[in-house]
């Protein structure tokens, strides 16, 4: 994985941090001396990526937002609003 600032391959792990979403590495580039955390696709989402993918798959299959909301509630015991599902669809689909 190259540095996001200078594209150098000469990087190393400085430390690991524990957050609510799991353990994250802080990476430092030897070329430009800058630090960053590698971005994960769903790092900022509250819900499990599998739940989000399921909602997107259901929407693509023709389900309404209310049907998707009820399906996620029954299947995963996750309380999401129709607006949340709509935001996922608009952003990720």
N, C-alpha and C. Protein backbone atom coordinates (compact mmCIF):
# COMPACT_ATOMS: atom_id res chain seq x y z
N UNK A 1 0.84 -1.17 0.00
CA UNK A 1 0.00 0.00 0.00
C UNK A 1 0.89 1.24 0.00
N UNK A 2 0.76 2.11 -1.00
CA UNK A 2 1.61 3.29 -1.07
C UNK A 2 1.14 4.42 -0.15
N UNK A 3 2.02 5.37 0.08
CA UNK A 3 1.69 6.56 0.87
C UNK A 3 0.63 7.35 0.11
N UNK A 4 -0.37 7.88 0.84
CA UNK A 4 -1.44 8.62 0.17
C UNK A 4 -0.99 10.04 -0.20
N UNK A 5 0.12 10.50 0.34
CA UNK A 5 0.60 11.84 0.05
C UNK A 5 1.63 11.88 -1.08
N UNK A 6 2.61 10.96 -1.05
CA UNK A 6 3.68 11.02 -2.05
C UNK A 6 3.78 9.76 -2.91
N UNK A 7 2.95 8.76 -2.65
CA UNK A 7 2.89 7.50 -3.41
C UNK A 7 4.14 6.64 -3.24
N UNK A 8 4.94 6.90 -2.23
CA UNK A 8 6.11 6.09 -1.96
C UNK A 8 5.69 4.76 -1.34
N UNK A 9 6.43 3.72 -1.65
CA UNK A 9 6.15 2.39 -1.09
C UNK A 9 6.90 2.17 0.23
N UNK A 10 7.74 3.11 0.60
CA UNK A 10 8.59 2.98 1.79
C UNK A 10 7.83 3.47 3.03
N UNK A 11 6.94 2.63 3.55
CA UNK A 11 6.13 3.00 4.71
C UNK A 11 6.29 1.95 5.81
N UNK A 12 5.96 2.33 7.03
CA UNK A 12 6.02 1.40 8.14
C UNK A 12 4.96 1.77 9.18
N UNK A 13 4.62 0.81 10.01
CA UNK A 13 3.60 0.99 11.03
C UNK A 13 4.22 1.65 12.26
N UNK A 14 3.65 2.77 12.70
CA UNK A 14 4.16 3.49 13.86
C UNK A 14 3.54 2.96 15.14
N UNK A 15 2.22 2.82 15.14
CA UNK A 15 1.53 2.32 16.32
C UNK A 15 0.16 1.80 15.93
N UNK A 16 -0.48 1.14 16.87
CA UNK A 16 -1.85 0.64 16.67
C UNK A 16 -2.74 1.30 17.70
N UNK A 17 -3.94 1.70 17.25
CA UNK A 17 -4.91 2.34 18.13
C UNK A 17 -6.16 1.48 18.21
N UNK A 18 -6.75 1.42 19.39
CA UNK A 18 -8.02 0.73 19.56
C UNK A 18 -9.13 1.76 19.59
N UNK A 19 -10.14 1.54 18.75
CA UNK A 19 -11.29 2.43 18.71
C UNK A 19 -12.56 1.57 18.81
N UNK A 20 -13.72 2.24 18.75
CA UNK A 20 -14.98 1.51 18.81
C UNK A 20 -15.14 0.58 17.62
N UNK A 21 -14.56 0.94 16.49
CA UNK A 21 -14.72 0.14 15.28
C UNK A 21 -13.64 -0.91 15.13
N UNK A 22 -12.72 -1.01 16.07
CA UNK A 22 -11.68 -2.03 16.00
C UNK A 22 -10.30 -1.42 16.14
N UNK A 23 -9.30 -2.21 15.83
CA UNK A 23 -7.92 -1.77 15.94
C UNK A 23 -7.44 -1.19 14.61
N UNK A 24 -6.78 -0.03 14.67
CA UNK A 24 -6.31 0.65 13.47
C UNK A 24 -4.81 0.89 13.56
N UNK A 25 -4.13 0.80 12.43
CA UNK A 25 -2.70 1.08 12.37
C UNK A 25 -2.47 2.51 11.95
N UNK A 26 -1.46 3.14 12.54
CA UNK A 26 -1.02 4.44 12.08
C UNK A 26 0.27 4.21 11.31
N UNK A 27 0.28 4.66 10.08
CA UNK A 27 1.39 4.38 9.17
C UNK A 27 2.18 5.65 8.92
N UNK A 28 3.51 5.51 8.83
CA UNK A 28 4.39 6.65 8.55
C UNK A 28 5.19 6.37 7.28
N UNK A 29 5.35 7.39 6.47
CA UNK A 29 6.12 7.28 5.24
C UNK A 29 7.55 7.75 5.52
N UNK A 30 8.51 6.96 5.11
CA UNK A 30 9.91 7.35 5.31
C UNK A 30 10.32 8.46 4.35
N UNK A 31 9.69 8.55 3.22
CA UNK A 31 10.07 9.55 2.21
C UNK A 31 9.60 10.96 2.59
N UNK A 32 8.31 11.10 2.92
CA UNK A 32 7.79 12.44 3.22
C UNK A 32 7.57 12.68 4.71
N UNK A 33 7.78 11.68 5.54
CA UNK A 33 7.68 11.77 7.00
C UNK A 33 6.27 12.10 7.50
N UNK A 34 5.26 11.85 6.70
CA UNK A 34 3.89 12.12 7.11
C UNK A 34 3.24 10.85 7.61
N UNK A 35 2.24 11.02 8.51
CA UNK A 35 1.53 9.89 9.08
C UNK A 35 0.09 9.91 8.60
N UNK A 36 -0.49 8.72 8.48
CA UNK A 36 -1.91 8.62 8.17
C UNK A 36 -2.43 7.26 8.59
N UNK A 37 -3.73 7.16 8.64
CA UNK A 37 -4.41 5.91 8.95
C UNK A 37 -5.03 5.40 7.66
N UNK A 38 -4.76 4.17 7.27
CA UNK A 38 -5.38 3.66 6.04
C UNK A 38 -6.90 3.68 6.17
N UNK A 39 -7.55 4.15 5.12
CA UNK A 39 -9.00 4.25 5.13
C UNK A 39 -9.62 2.92 4.77
N UNK A 40 -10.60 2.52 5.56
CA UNK A 40 -11.37 1.34 5.24
C UNK A 40 -12.69 1.80 4.68
N UNK A 41 -13.26 1.05 3.80
CA UNK A 41 -14.47 1.46 3.12
C UNK A 41 -15.64 1.79 4.03
N UNK A 42 -15.81 1.06 5.09
CA UNK A 42 -16.95 1.26 5.98
C UNK A 42 -16.51 1.68 7.37
N UNK A 43 -15.40 2.34 7.47
CA UNK A 43 -14.87 2.70 8.79
C UNK A 43 -15.77 3.66 9.54
N UNK A 44 -16.45 4.54 8.85
CA UNK A 44 -17.26 5.57 9.50
C UNK A 44 -18.73 5.18 9.65
N UNK A 45 -19.07 3.97 9.24
CA UNK A 45 -20.45 3.53 9.35
C UNK A 45 -20.70 2.84 10.68
N UNK A 46 -21.85 3.08 11.25
CA UNK A 46 -22.21 2.52 12.54
C UNK A 46 -22.58 1.05 12.43
N UNK A 47 -23.19 0.68 11.31
CA UNK A 47 -23.71 -0.68 11.15
C UNK A 47 -22.72 -1.57 10.42
N UNK A 48 -22.91 -2.86 10.60
CA UNK A 48 -22.06 -3.87 10.00
C UNK A 48 -22.15 -3.77 8.47
N UNK A 49 -21.01 -3.87 7.76
CA UNK A 49 -21.05 -3.81 6.29
C UNK A 49 -21.98 -4.84 5.67
N UNK A 50 -22.12 -6.01 6.28
CA UNK A 50 -23.01 -7.03 5.73
C UNK A 50 -24.47 -6.56 5.75
N UNK A 51 -24.85 -5.82 6.80
CA UNK A 51 -26.21 -5.27 6.89
C UNK A 51 -26.42 -4.25 5.77
N UNK A 52 -25.43 -3.41 5.54
CA UNK A 52 -25.54 -2.39 4.49
C UNK A 52 -25.62 -3.05 3.11
N UNK A 53 -24.77 -4.05 2.87
CA UNK A 53 -24.81 -4.75 1.58
C UNK A 53 -26.15 -5.46 1.38
N UNK A 54 -26.70 -6.00 2.46
CA UNK A 54 -28.00 -6.66 2.36
C UNK A 54 -29.08 -5.64 1.99
N UNK A 55 -29.03 -4.47 2.60
CA UNK A 55 -30.01 -3.42 2.27
C UNK A 55 -29.89 -3.00 0.81
N UNK A 56 -28.66 -2.86 0.33
CA UNK A 56 -28.46 -2.48 -1.07
C UNK A 56 -28.95 -3.57 -2.02
N UNK A 57 -28.70 -4.81 -1.66
CA UNK A 57 -29.15 -5.93 -2.50
C UNK A 57 -30.67 -6.00 -2.55
N UNK A 58 -31.32 -5.78 -1.40
CA UNK A 58 -32.77 -5.79 -1.36
C UNK A 58 -33.36 -4.65 -2.18
N UNK A 59 -32.74 -3.47 -2.12
CA UNK A 59 -33.23 -2.33 -2.90
C UNK A 59 -33.10 -2.62 -4.39
N UNK A 60 -32.00 -3.24 -4.77
CA UNK A 60 -31.80 -3.58 -6.19
C UNK A 60 -32.81 -4.63 -6.64
N UNK A 61 -33.26 -5.46 -5.71
CA UNK A 61 -34.25 -6.50 -6.04
C UNK A 61 -35.66 -5.94 -6.14
N UNK A 62 -35.85 -4.66 -5.80
CA UNK A 62 -37.16 -4.04 -5.96
C UNK A 62 -37.95 -3.84 -4.68
N UNK A 63 -37.35 -4.08 -3.54
CA UNK A 63 -38.05 -3.86 -2.27
C UNK A 63 -38.18 -2.36 -1.99
N UNK A 64 -39.23 -1.98 -1.28
CA UNK A 64 -39.39 -0.59 -0.87
C UNK A 64 -38.53 -0.34 0.37
N UNK A 65 -38.37 0.94 0.71
CA UNK A 65 -37.55 1.28 1.87
C UNK A 65 -38.16 0.73 3.16
N UNK A 66 -39.48 0.77 3.27
CA UNK A 66 -40.15 0.22 4.45
C UNK A 66 -39.97 -1.27 4.57
N UNK A 67 -40.05 -1.98 3.44
CA UNK A 67 -39.85 -3.44 3.46
C UNK A 67 -38.41 -3.77 3.86
N UNK A 68 -37.46 -2.98 3.36
CA UNK A 68 -36.05 -3.20 3.72
C UNK A 68 -35.85 -2.95 5.21
N UNK A 69 -36.45 -1.89 5.72
CA UNK A 69 -36.34 -1.56 7.14
C UNK A 69 -36.86 -2.71 8.00
N UNK A 70 -38.03 -3.24 7.67
CA UNK A 70 -38.61 -4.35 8.44
C UNK A 70 -37.75 -5.62 8.31
N UNK A 71 -37.26 -5.87 7.10
CA UNK A 71 -36.43 -7.06 6.87
C UNK A 71 -35.16 -7.00 7.72
N UNK A 72 -34.49 -5.85 7.75
CA UNK A 72 -33.27 -5.72 8.56
C UNK A 72 -33.58 -5.84 10.05
N UNK A 73 -34.73 -5.32 10.44
CA UNK A 73 -35.12 -5.39 11.85
C UNK A 73 -35.36 -6.83 12.28
N UNK A 74 -36.03 -7.60 11.43
CA UNK A 74 -36.33 -9.00 11.76
C UNK A 74 -35.09 -9.87 11.63
N UNK A 75 -34.36 -9.71 10.55
CA UNK A 75 -33.23 -10.59 10.26
C UNK A 75 -32.03 -10.32 11.17
N UNK A 76 -31.65 -9.04 11.31
CA UNK A 76 -30.41 -8.71 12.03
C UNK A 76 -30.65 -8.05 13.38
N UNK A 77 -31.93 -7.78 13.72
CA UNK A 77 -32.27 -7.05 14.95
C UNK A 77 -31.56 -5.69 14.98
N UNK A 78 -31.59 -5.01 13.83
CA UNK A 78 -30.97 -3.71 13.67
C UNK A 78 -32.08 -2.69 13.41
N UNK A 79 -32.14 -1.65 14.20
CA UNK A 79 -33.15 -0.62 14.01
C UNK A 79 -32.58 0.52 13.18
N UNK A 80 -32.97 0.57 11.91
CA UNK A 80 -32.57 1.65 11.02
C UNK A 80 -33.83 2.31 10.48
N UNK A 81 -33.72 3.56 10.15
CA UNK A 81 -34.86 4.26 9.58
C UNK A 81 -34.84 4.12 8.06
N UNK A 82 -35.98 4.46 7.44
CA UNK A 82 -36.03 4.43 5.98
C UNK A 82 -35.07 5.46 5.41
N UNK A 83 -34.89 6.57 6.11
CA UNK A 83 -33.95 7.61 5.67
C UNK A 83 -32.52 7.08 5.65
N UNK A 84 -32.15 6.28 6.64
CA UNK A 84 -30.82 5.70 6.68
C UNK A 84 -30.61 4.78 5.49
N UNK A 85 -31.59 3.94 5.19
CA UNK A 85 -31.49 3.04 4.04
C UNK A 85 -31.39 3.86 2.76
N UNK A 86 -32.17 4.93 2.65
CA UNK A 86 -32.11 5.79 1.48
C UNK A 86 -30.73 6.44 1.33
N UNK A 87 -30.15 6.87 2.45
CA UNK A 87 -28.80 7.45 2.41
C UNK A 87 -27.78 6.44 1.93
N UNK A 88 -27.87 5.18 2.40
CA UNK A 88 -26.96 4.13 1.93
C UNK A 88 -27.11 3.92 0.43
N UNK A 89 -28.34 3.87 -0.03
CA UNK A 89 -28.59 3.64 -1.46
C UNK A 89 -28.03 4.79 -2.29
N UNK A 90 -28.27 6.03 -1.86
CA UNK A 90 -27.79 7.18 -2.62
C UNK A 90 -26.28 7.29 -2.61
N UNK A 91 -25.65 6.91 -1.52
CA UNK A 91 -24.20 7.05 -1.42
C UNK A 91 -23.43 5.88 -2.02
N UNK A 92 -23.94 4.68 -1.86
CA UNK A 92 -23.16 3.49 -2.21
C UNK A 92 -23.62 2.76 -3.47
N UNK A 93 -24.83 3.00 -3.91
CA UNK A 93 -25.32 2.24 -5.06
C UNK A 93 -25.19 3.02 -6.35
